[in-house]
């Protein structure tokens, strides 16, 4: 599980998979706006897309949390 704790890989995933496609706006931001607007018309495919593009950011938050809690515990 070393790959899940590697900063470089997680940042790369966030910048590529997390934000792709980049134009006209990052895909994840469009989905978040759609959800914030009530998620009218979202299908299962759209929800999977949110999870797929959001997963790198979940890994990043997890890694930050782990680093902060280990630093405070020491």
PDB file of N, CA and C in Angstrom:
ATOM      1  N   UNK A   1       0.816  -1.199   0.000  1.00  0.00           N
ATOM      2  CA  UNK A   1       0.000   0.000   0.000  1.00  0.00           C
ATOM      3  C   UNK A   1       0.861   1.265   0.000  1.00  0.00           C
ATOM      4  N   UNK A   2       2.101   1.113  -0.363  1.00  0.00           N
ATOM      5  CA  UNK A   2       3.003   2.265  -0.418  1.00  0.00           C
ATOM      6  C   UNK A   2       2.513   3.315  -1.403  1.00  0.00           C
ATOM      7  N   UNK A   3       1.881   2.884  -2.477  1.00  0.00           N
ATOM      8  CA  UNK A   3       1.418   3.821  -3.506  1.00  0.00           C
ATOM      9  C   UNK A   3       0.330   4.755  -2.959  1.00  0.00           C
ATOM     10  N   UNK A   4      -0.458   4.312  -1.992  1.00  0.00           N
ATOM     11  CA  UNK A   4      -1.513   5.148  -1.422  1.00  0.00           C
ATOM     12  C   UNK A   4      -0.967   6.194  -0.453  1.00  0.00           C
ATOM     13  N   UNK A   5       0.308   6.085  -0.107  1.00  0.00           N
ATOM     14  CA  UNK A   5       0.927   7.039   0.815  1.00  0.00           C
ATOM     15  C   UNK A   5       2.022   7.857   0.143  1.00  0.00           C
ATOM     16  N   UNK A   6       2.081   7.836  -1.162  1.00  0.00           N
ATOM     17  CA  UNK A   6       3.093   8.583  -1.910  1.00  0.00           C
ATOM     18  C   UNK A   6       2.507   9.916  -2.368  1.00  0.00           C
ATOM     19  N   UNK A   7       3.047  11.005  -1.822  1.00  0.00           N
ATOM     20  CA  UNK A   7       2.554  12.340  -2.128  1.00  0.00           C
ATOM     21  C   UNK A   7       2.559  12.629  -3.628  1.00  0.00           C
ATOM     22  N   UNK A   8       3.657  12.276  -4.282  1.00  0.00           N
ATOM     23  CA  UNK A   8       3.803  12.615  -5.698  1.00  0.00           C
ATOM     24  C   UNK A   8       2.731  11.958  -6.556  1.00  0.00           C
ATOM     25  N   UNK A   9       2.456  10.709  -6.298  1.00  0.00           N
ATOM     26  CA  UNK A   9       1.446   9.992  -7.085  1.00  0.00           C
ATOM     27  C   UNK A   9       0.055  10.547  -6.820  1.00  0.00           C
ATOM     28  N   UNK A  10      -0.232  10.835  -5.561  1.00  0.00           N
ATOM     29  CA  UNK A  10      -1.563  11.341  -5.209  1.00  0.00           C
ATOM     30  C   UNK A  10      -1.784  12.737  -5.823  1.00  0.00           C
ATOM     31  N   UNK A  11      -0.786  13.586  -5.757  1.00  0.00           N
ATOM     32  CA  UNK A  11      -0.906  14.918  -6.366  1.00  0.00           C
ATOM     33  C   UNK A  11      -1.083  14.786  -7.884  1.00  0.00           C
ATOM     34  N   UNK A  12      -0.314  13.887  -8.494  1.00  0.00           N
ATOM     35  CA  UNK A  12      -0.442  13.654  -9.933  1.00  0.00           C
ATOM     36  C   UNK A  12      -1.848  13.168 -10.286  1.00  0.00           C
ATOM     37  N   UNK A  13      -2.395  12.269  -9.483  1.00  0.00           N
ATOM     38  CA  UNK A  13      -3.759  11.784  -9.712  1.00  0.00           C
ATOM     39  C   UNK A  13      -4.780  12.917  -9.582  1.00  0.00           C
ATOM     40  N   UNK A  14      -4.595  13.781  -8.582  1.00  0.00           N
ATOM     41  CA  UNK A  14      -5.523  14.900  -8.399  1.00  0.00           C
ATOM     42  C   UNK A  14      -5.481  15.851  -9.584  1.00  0.00           C
ATOM     43  N   UNK A  15      -4.288  16.123 -10.081  1.00  0.00           N
ATOM     44  CA  UNK A  15      -4.150  17.085 -11.178  1.00  0.00           C
ATOM     45  C   UNK A  15      -4.575  16.513 -12.524  1.00  0.00           C
ATOM     46  N   UNK A  16      -4.487  15.202 -12.692  1.00  0.00           N
ATOM     47  CA  UNK A  16      -4.857  14.604 -13.981  1.00  0.00           C
ATOM     48  C   UNK A  16      -6.262  14.027 -13.923  1.00  0.00           C
ATOM     49  N   UNK A  17      -6.431  12.935 -13.233  1.00  0.00           N
ATOM     50  CA  UNK A  17      -7.729  12.262 -13.174  1.00  0.00           C
ATOM     51  C   UNK A  17      -8.775  13.098 -12.444  1.00  0.00           C
ATOM     52  N   UNK A  18      -8.374  13.742 -11.390  1.00  0.00           N
ATOM     53  CA  UNK A  18      -9.321  14.517 -10.602  1.00  0.00           C
ATOM     54  C   UNK A  18      -9.896  15.717 -11.322  1.00  0.00           C
ATOM     55  N   UNK A  19      -9.104  16.341 -12.173  1.00  0.00           N
ATOM     56  CA  UNK A  19      -9.559  17.558 -12.851  1.00  0.00           C
ATOM     57  C   UNK A  19      -9.870  17.366 -14.328  1.00  0.00           C
ATOM     58  N   UNK A  20      -9.595  16.201 -14.882  1.00  0.00           N
ATOM     59  CA  UNK A  20      -9.819  15.963 -16.318  1.00  0.00           C
ATOM     60  C   UNK A  20     -11.307  15.869 -16.614  1.00  0.00           C
ATOM     61  N   UNK A  21     -11.793  16.258 -17.737  1.00  0.00           N
ATOM     62  CA  UNK A  21     -11.167  17.122 -18.733  1.00  0.00           C
ATOM     63  C   UNK A  21     -11.104  18.549 -18.218  1.00  0.00           C
ATOM     64  N   UNK A  22     -10.123  19.280 -18.653  1.00  0.00           N
ATOM     65  CA  UNK A  22      -9.831  20.595 -18.084  1.00  0.00           C
ATOM     66  C   UNK A  22     -10.690  21.721 -18.661  1.00  0.00           C
ATOM     67  N   UNK A  23     -11.130  21.581 -19.915  1.00  0.00           N
ATOM     68  CA  UNK A  23     -11.879  22.654 -20.565  1.00  0.00           C
ATOM     69  C   UNK A  23     -13.260  22.186 -20.927  1.00  0.00           C
ATOM     70  N   UNK A  24     -14.291  22.935 -20.777  1.00  0.00           N
ATOM     71  CA  UNK A  24     -14.363  24.328 -20.391  1.00  0.00           C
ATOM     72  C   UNK A  24     -14.245  24.529 -18.884  1.00  0.00           C
ATOM     73  N   UNK A  25     -14.488  23.504 -18.103  1.00  0.00           N
ATOM     74  CA  UNK A  25     -14.243  23.542 -16.654  1.00  0.00           C
ATOM     75  C   UNK A  25     -13.914  22.126 -16.222  1.00  0.00           C
ATOM     76  N   UNK A  26     -13.201  21.990 -15.099  1.00  0.00           N
ATOM     77  CA  UNK A  26     -12.915  20.630 -14.624  1.00  0.00           C
ATOM     78  C   UNK A  26     -14.205  19.843 -14.401  1.00  0.00           C
ATOM     79  N   UNK A  27     -14.172  18.599 -14.800  1.00  0.00           N
ATOM     80  CA  UNK A  27     -15.347  17.746 -14.784  1.00  0.00           C
ATOM     81  C   UNK A  27     -15.947  17.624 -13.382  1.00  0.00           C
ATOM     82  N   UNK A  28     -15.099  17.463 -12.395  1.00  0.00           N
ATOM     83  CA  UNK A  28     -15.581  17.295 -11.022  1.00  0.00           C
ATOM     84  C   UNK A  28     -16.307  18.544 -10.533  1.00  0.00           C
ATOM     85  N   UNK A  29     -15.806  19.717 -10.887  1.00  0.00           N
ATOM     86  CA  UNK A  29     -16.487  20.953 -10.474  1.00  0.00           C
ATOM     87  C   UNK A  29     -17.873  21.056 -11.102  1.00  0.00           C
ATOM     88  N   UNK A  30     -17.988  20.645 -12.354  1.00  0.00           N
ATOM     89  CA  UNK A  30     -19.300  20.646 -13.004  1.00  0.00           C
ATOM     90  C   UNK A  30     -20.278  19.708 -12.312  1.00  0.00           C
ATOM     91  N   UNK A  31     -19.783  18.536 -11.916  1.00  0.00           N
ATOM     92  CA  UNK A  31     -20.645  17.573 -11.215  1.00  0.00           C
ATOM     93  C   UNK A  31     -21.039  18.097  -9.834  1.00  0.00           C
ATOM     94  N   UNK A  32     -20.106  18.742  -9.140  1.00  0.00           N
ATOM     95  CA  UNK A  32     -20.413  19.291  -7.822  1.00  0.00           C
ATOM     96  C   UNK A  32     -21.461  20.395  -7.935  1.00  0.00           C
ATOM     97  N   UNK A  33     -21.335  21.240  -8.958  1.00  0.00           N
ATOM     98  CA  UNK A  33     -22.352  22.276  -9.187  1.00  0.00           C
ATOM     99  C   UNK A  33     -23.706  21.641  -9.468  1.00  0.00           C
ATOM    100  N   UNK A  34     -23.698  20.550 -10.231  1.00  0.00           N
ATOM    101  CA  UNK A  34     -24.938  19.859 -10.553  1.00  0.00           C
ATOM    102  C   UNK A  34     -25.580  19.299  -9.287  1.00  0.00           C
ATOM    103  N   UNK A  35     -24.774  18.710  -8.421  1.00  0.00           N
ATOM    104  CA  UNK A  35     -25.291  18.160  -7.158  1.00  0.00           C
ATOM    105  C   UNK A  35     -25.803  19.287  -6.264  1.00  0.00           C
ATOM    106  N   UNK A  36     -25.051  20.380  -6.190  1.00  0.00           N
ATOM    107  CA  UNK A  36     -25.471  21.527  -5.374  1.00  0.00           C
ATOM    108  C   UNK A  36     -26.770  22.131  -5.893  1.00  0.00           C
ATOM    109  N   UNK A  37     -27.022  21.993  -7.188  1.00  0.00           N
ATOM    110  CA  UNK A  37     -28.255  22.506  -7.773  1.00  0.00           C
ATOM    111  C   UNK A  37     -29.436  21.562  -7.638  1.00  0.00           C
ATOM    112  N   UNK A  38     -29.258  20.469  -6.933  1.00  0.00           N
ATOM    113  CA  UNK A  38     -30.355  19.548  -6.691  1.00  0.00           C
ATOM    114  C   UNK A  38     -30.201  18.199  -7.353  1.00  0.00           C
ATOM    115  N   UNK A  39     -29.214  18.032  -8.186  1.00  0.00           N
ATOM    116  CA  UNK A  39     -28.916  16.756  -8.860  1.00  0.00           C
ATOM    117  C   UNK A  39     -30.085  16.256  -9.701  1.00  0.00           C
ATOM    118  N   UNK A  40     -30.834  17.176 -10.266  1.00  0.00           N
ATOM    119  CA  UNK A  40     -31.956  16.792 -11.123  1.00  0.00           C
ATOM    120  C   UNK A  40     -31.446  16.153 -12.401  1.00  0.00           C
ATOM    121  N   UNK A  41     -31.911  14.956 -12.673  1.00  0.00           N
ATOM    122  CA  UNK A  41     -31.556  14.256 -13.895  1.00  0.00           C
ATOM    123  C   UNK A  41     -30.272  13.453 -13.827  1.00  0.00           C
ATOM    124  N   UNK A  42     -29.634  13.377 -12.663  1.00  0.00           N
ATOM    125  CA  UNK A  42     -28.397  12.604 -12.552  1.00  0.00           C
ATOM    126  C   UNK A  42     -28.718  11.115 -12.580  1.00  0.00           C
ATOM    127  N   UNK A  43     -27.978  10.396 -13.394  1.00  0.00           N
ATOM    128  CA  UNK A  43     -28.150   8.951 -13.482  1.00  0.00           C
ATOM    129  C   UNK A  43     -27.053   8.263 -12.684  1.00  0.00           C
ATOM    130  N   UNK A  44     -27.116   6.943 -12.635  1.00  0.00           N
ATOM    131  CA  UNK A  44     -26.103   6.172 -11.921  1.00  0.00           C
ATOM    132  C   UNK A  44     -24.720   6.429 -12.512  1.00  0.00           C
ATOM    133  N   UNK A  45     -24.657   6.595 -13.815  1.00  0.00           N
ATOM    134  CA  UNK A  45     -23.384   6.879 -14.482  1.00  0.00           C
ATOM    135  C   UNK A  45     -22.784   8.194 -13.980  1.00  0.00           C
ATOM    136  N   UNK A  46     -23.616   9.186 -13.759  1.00  0.00           N
ATOM    137  CA  UNK A  46     -23.137  10.480 -13.272  1.00  0.00           C
ATOM    138  C   UNK A  46     -22.614  10.379 -11.845  1.00  0.00           C
ATOM    139  N   UNK A  47     -23.297   9.610 -11.024  1.00  0.00           N
ATOM    140  CA  UNK A  47     -22.830   9.424  -9.645  1.00  0.00           C
ATOM    141  C   UNK A  47     -21.503   8.654  -9.618  1.00  0.00           C
ATOM    142  N   UNK A  48     -21.380   7.651 -10.469  1.00  0.00           N
ATOM    143  CA  UNK A  48     -20.110   6.931 -10.571  1.00  0.00           C
ATOM    144  C   UNK A  48     -18.998   7.878 -11.011  1.00  0.00           C
ATOM    145  N   UNK A  49     -19.312   8.769 -11.922  1.00  0.00           N
ATOM    146  CA  UNK A  49     -18.348   9.750 -12.404  1.00  0.00           C
ATOM    147  C   UNK A  49     -17.864  10.653 -11.272  1.00  0.00           C
ATOM    148  N   UNK A  50     -18.762  11.067 -10.399  1.00  0.00           N
ATOM    149  CA  UNK A  50     -18.379  11.889  -9.243  1.00  0.00           C
ATOM    150  C   UNK A  50     -17.411  11.119  -8.349  1.00  0.00           C
ATOM    151  N   UNK A  51     -17.717   9.869  -8.082  1.00  0.00           N
ATOM    152  CA  UNK A  51     -16.838   9.050  -7.236  1.00  0.00           C
ATOM    153  C   UNK A  51     -15.490   8.834  -7.922  1.00  0.00           C
ATOM    154  N   UNK A  52     -15.511   8.544  -9.209  1.00  0.00           N
ATOM    155  CA  UNK A  52     -14.296   8.262  -9.960  1.00  0.00           C
ATOM    156  C   UNK A  52     -13.355   9.476  -9.995  1.00  0.00           C
ATOM    157  N   UNK A  53     -13.895  10.648 -10.290  1.00  0.00           N
ATOM    158  CA  UNK A  53     -13.071  11.845 -10.364  1.00  0.00           C
ATOM    159  C   UNK A  53     -12.762  12.423  -8.987  1.00  0.00           C
ATOM    160  N   UNK A  54     -13.561  12.094  -7.989  1.00  0.00           N
ATOM    161  CA  UNK A  54     -13.327  12.610  -6.643  1.00  0.00           C
ATOM    162  C   UNK A  54     -12.414  11.752  -5.795  1.00  0.00           C
ATOM    163  N   UNK A  55     -12.197  10.500  -6.194  1.00  0.00           N
ATOM    164  CA  UNK A  55     -11.399   9.583  -5.388  1.00  0.00           C
ATOM    165  C   UNK A  55      -9.969  10.067  -5.136  1.00  0.00           C
ATOM    166  N   UNK A  56      -9.265  10.655  -6.117  1.00  0.00           N
ATOM    167  CA  UNK A  56      -7.920  11.159  -5.815  1.00  0.00           C
ATOM    168  C   UNK A  56      -7.916  12.220  -4.715  1.00  0.00           C
ATOM    169  N   UNK A  57      -8.953  13.041  -4.671  1.00  0.00           N
ATOM    170  CA  UNK A  57      -9.025  14.058  -3.623  1.00  0.00           C
ATOM    171  C   UNK A  57      -9.320  13.435  -2.262  1.00  0.00           C
ATOM    172  N   UNK A  58     -10.076  12.359  -2.245  1.00  0.00           N
ATOM    173  CA  UNK A  58     -10.311  11.621  -1.001  1.00  0.00           C
ATOM    174  C   UNK A  58      -8.980  11.051  -0.502  1.00  0.00           C
ATOM    175  N   UNK A  59      -8.181  10.505  -1.412  1.00  0.00           N
ATOM    176  CA  UNK A  59      -6.862   9.991  -1.030  1.00  0.00           C
ATOM    177  C   UNK A  59      -5.969  11.105  -0.494  1.00  0.00           C
ATOM    178  N   UNK A  60      -6.029  12.287  -1.106  1.00  0.00           N
ATOM    179  CA  UNK A  60      -5.225  13.415  -0.654  1.00  0.00           C
ATOM    180  C   UNK A  60      -5.641  13.868   0.740  1.00  0.00           C
ATOM    181  N   UNK A  61      -6.930  13.970   0.982  1.00  0.00           N
ATOM    182  CA  UNK A  61      -7.426  14.358   2.306  1.00  0.00           C
ATOM    183  C   UNK A  61      -7.029  13.318   3.337  1.00  0.00           C
ATOM    184  N   UNK A  62      -7.122  12.038   2.960  1.00  0.00           N
ATOM    185  CA  UNK A  62      -6.720  10.944   3.848  1.00  0.00           C
ATOM    186  C   UNK A  62      -5.245  11.054   4.209  1.00  0.00           C
ATOM    187  N   UNK A  63      -4.408  11.317   3.222  1.00  0.00           N
ATOM    188  CA  UNK A  63      -2.969  11.414   3.453  1.00  0.00           C
ATOM    189  C   UNK A  63      -2.633  12.615   4.334  1.00  0.00           C
ATOM    190  N   UNK A  64      -3.277  13.737   4.104  1.00  0.00           N
ATOM    191  CA  UNK A  64      -3.062  14.924   4.944  1.00  0.00           C
ATOM    192  C   UNK A  64      -3.480  14.627   6.380  1.00  0.00           C
ATOM    193  N   UNK A  65      -4.616  13.985   6.552  1.00  0.00           N
ATOM    194  CA  UNK A  65      -5.099  13.629   7.887  1.00  0.00           C
ATOM    195  C   UNK A  65      -4.108  12.710   8.605  1.00  0.00           C
ATOM    196  N   UNK A  66      -3.604  11.710   7.891  1.00  0.00           N
ATOM    197  CA  UNK A  66      -2.642  10.775   8.489  1.00  0.00           C
ATOM    198  C   UNK A  66      -1.376  11.507   8.906  1.00  0.00           C
ATOM    199  N   UNK A  67      -0.857  12.368   8.027  1.00  0.00           N
ATOM    200  CA  UNK A  67       0.377  13.099   8.345  1.00  0.00           C
ATOM    201  C   UNK A  67       0.177  14.032   9.529  1.00  0.00           C
ATOM    202  N   UNK A  68      -0.968  14.692   9.614  1.00  0.00           N
ATOM    203  CA  UNK A  68      -1.212  15.610  10.723  1.00  0.00           C
ATOM    204  C   UNK A  68      -1.398  14.880  12.052  1.00  0.00           C
ATOM    205  N   UNK A  69      -2.108  13.761  12.031  1.00  0.00           N
ATOM    206  CA  UNK A  69      -2.344  13.039  13.276  1.00  0.00           C
ATOM    207  C   UNK A  69      -1.075  12.345  13.766  1.00  0.00           C
ATOM    208  N   UNK A  70      -0.247  11.860  12.875  1.00  0.00           N
ATOM    209  CA  UNK A  70       1.023  11.247  13.306  1.00  0.00           C
ATOM    210  C   UNK A  70       1.980  12.294  13.837  1.00  0.00           C
ATOM    211  N   UNK A  71       1.964  13.469  13.247  1.00  0.00           N
ATOM    212  CA  UNK A  71       2.840  14.547  13.692  1.00  0.00           C
ATOM    213  C   UNK A  71       2.433  15.019  15.093  1.00  0.00           C
ATOM    214  N   UNK A  72       1.135  15.122  15.346  1.00  0.00           N
ATOM    215  CA  UNK A  72       0.646  15.554  16.650  1.00  0.00           C
ATOM    216  C   UNK A  72       0.825  14.478  17.706  1.00  0.00           C
ATOM    217  N   UNK A  73       0.794  13.222  17.316  1.00  0.00           N
ATOM    218  CA  UNK A  73       0.926  12.125  18.277  1.00  0.00           C
ATOM    219  C   UNK A  73       2.378  11.974  18.750  1.00  0.00           C
ATOM    220  N   UNK A  74       3.323  12.374  17.925  1.00  0.00           N
ATOM    221  CA  UNK A  74       4.748  12.200  18.270  1.00  0.00           C
ATOM    222  C   UNK A  74       5.237  13.235  19.237  1.00  0.00           C
TER     223      UNK A  74
END
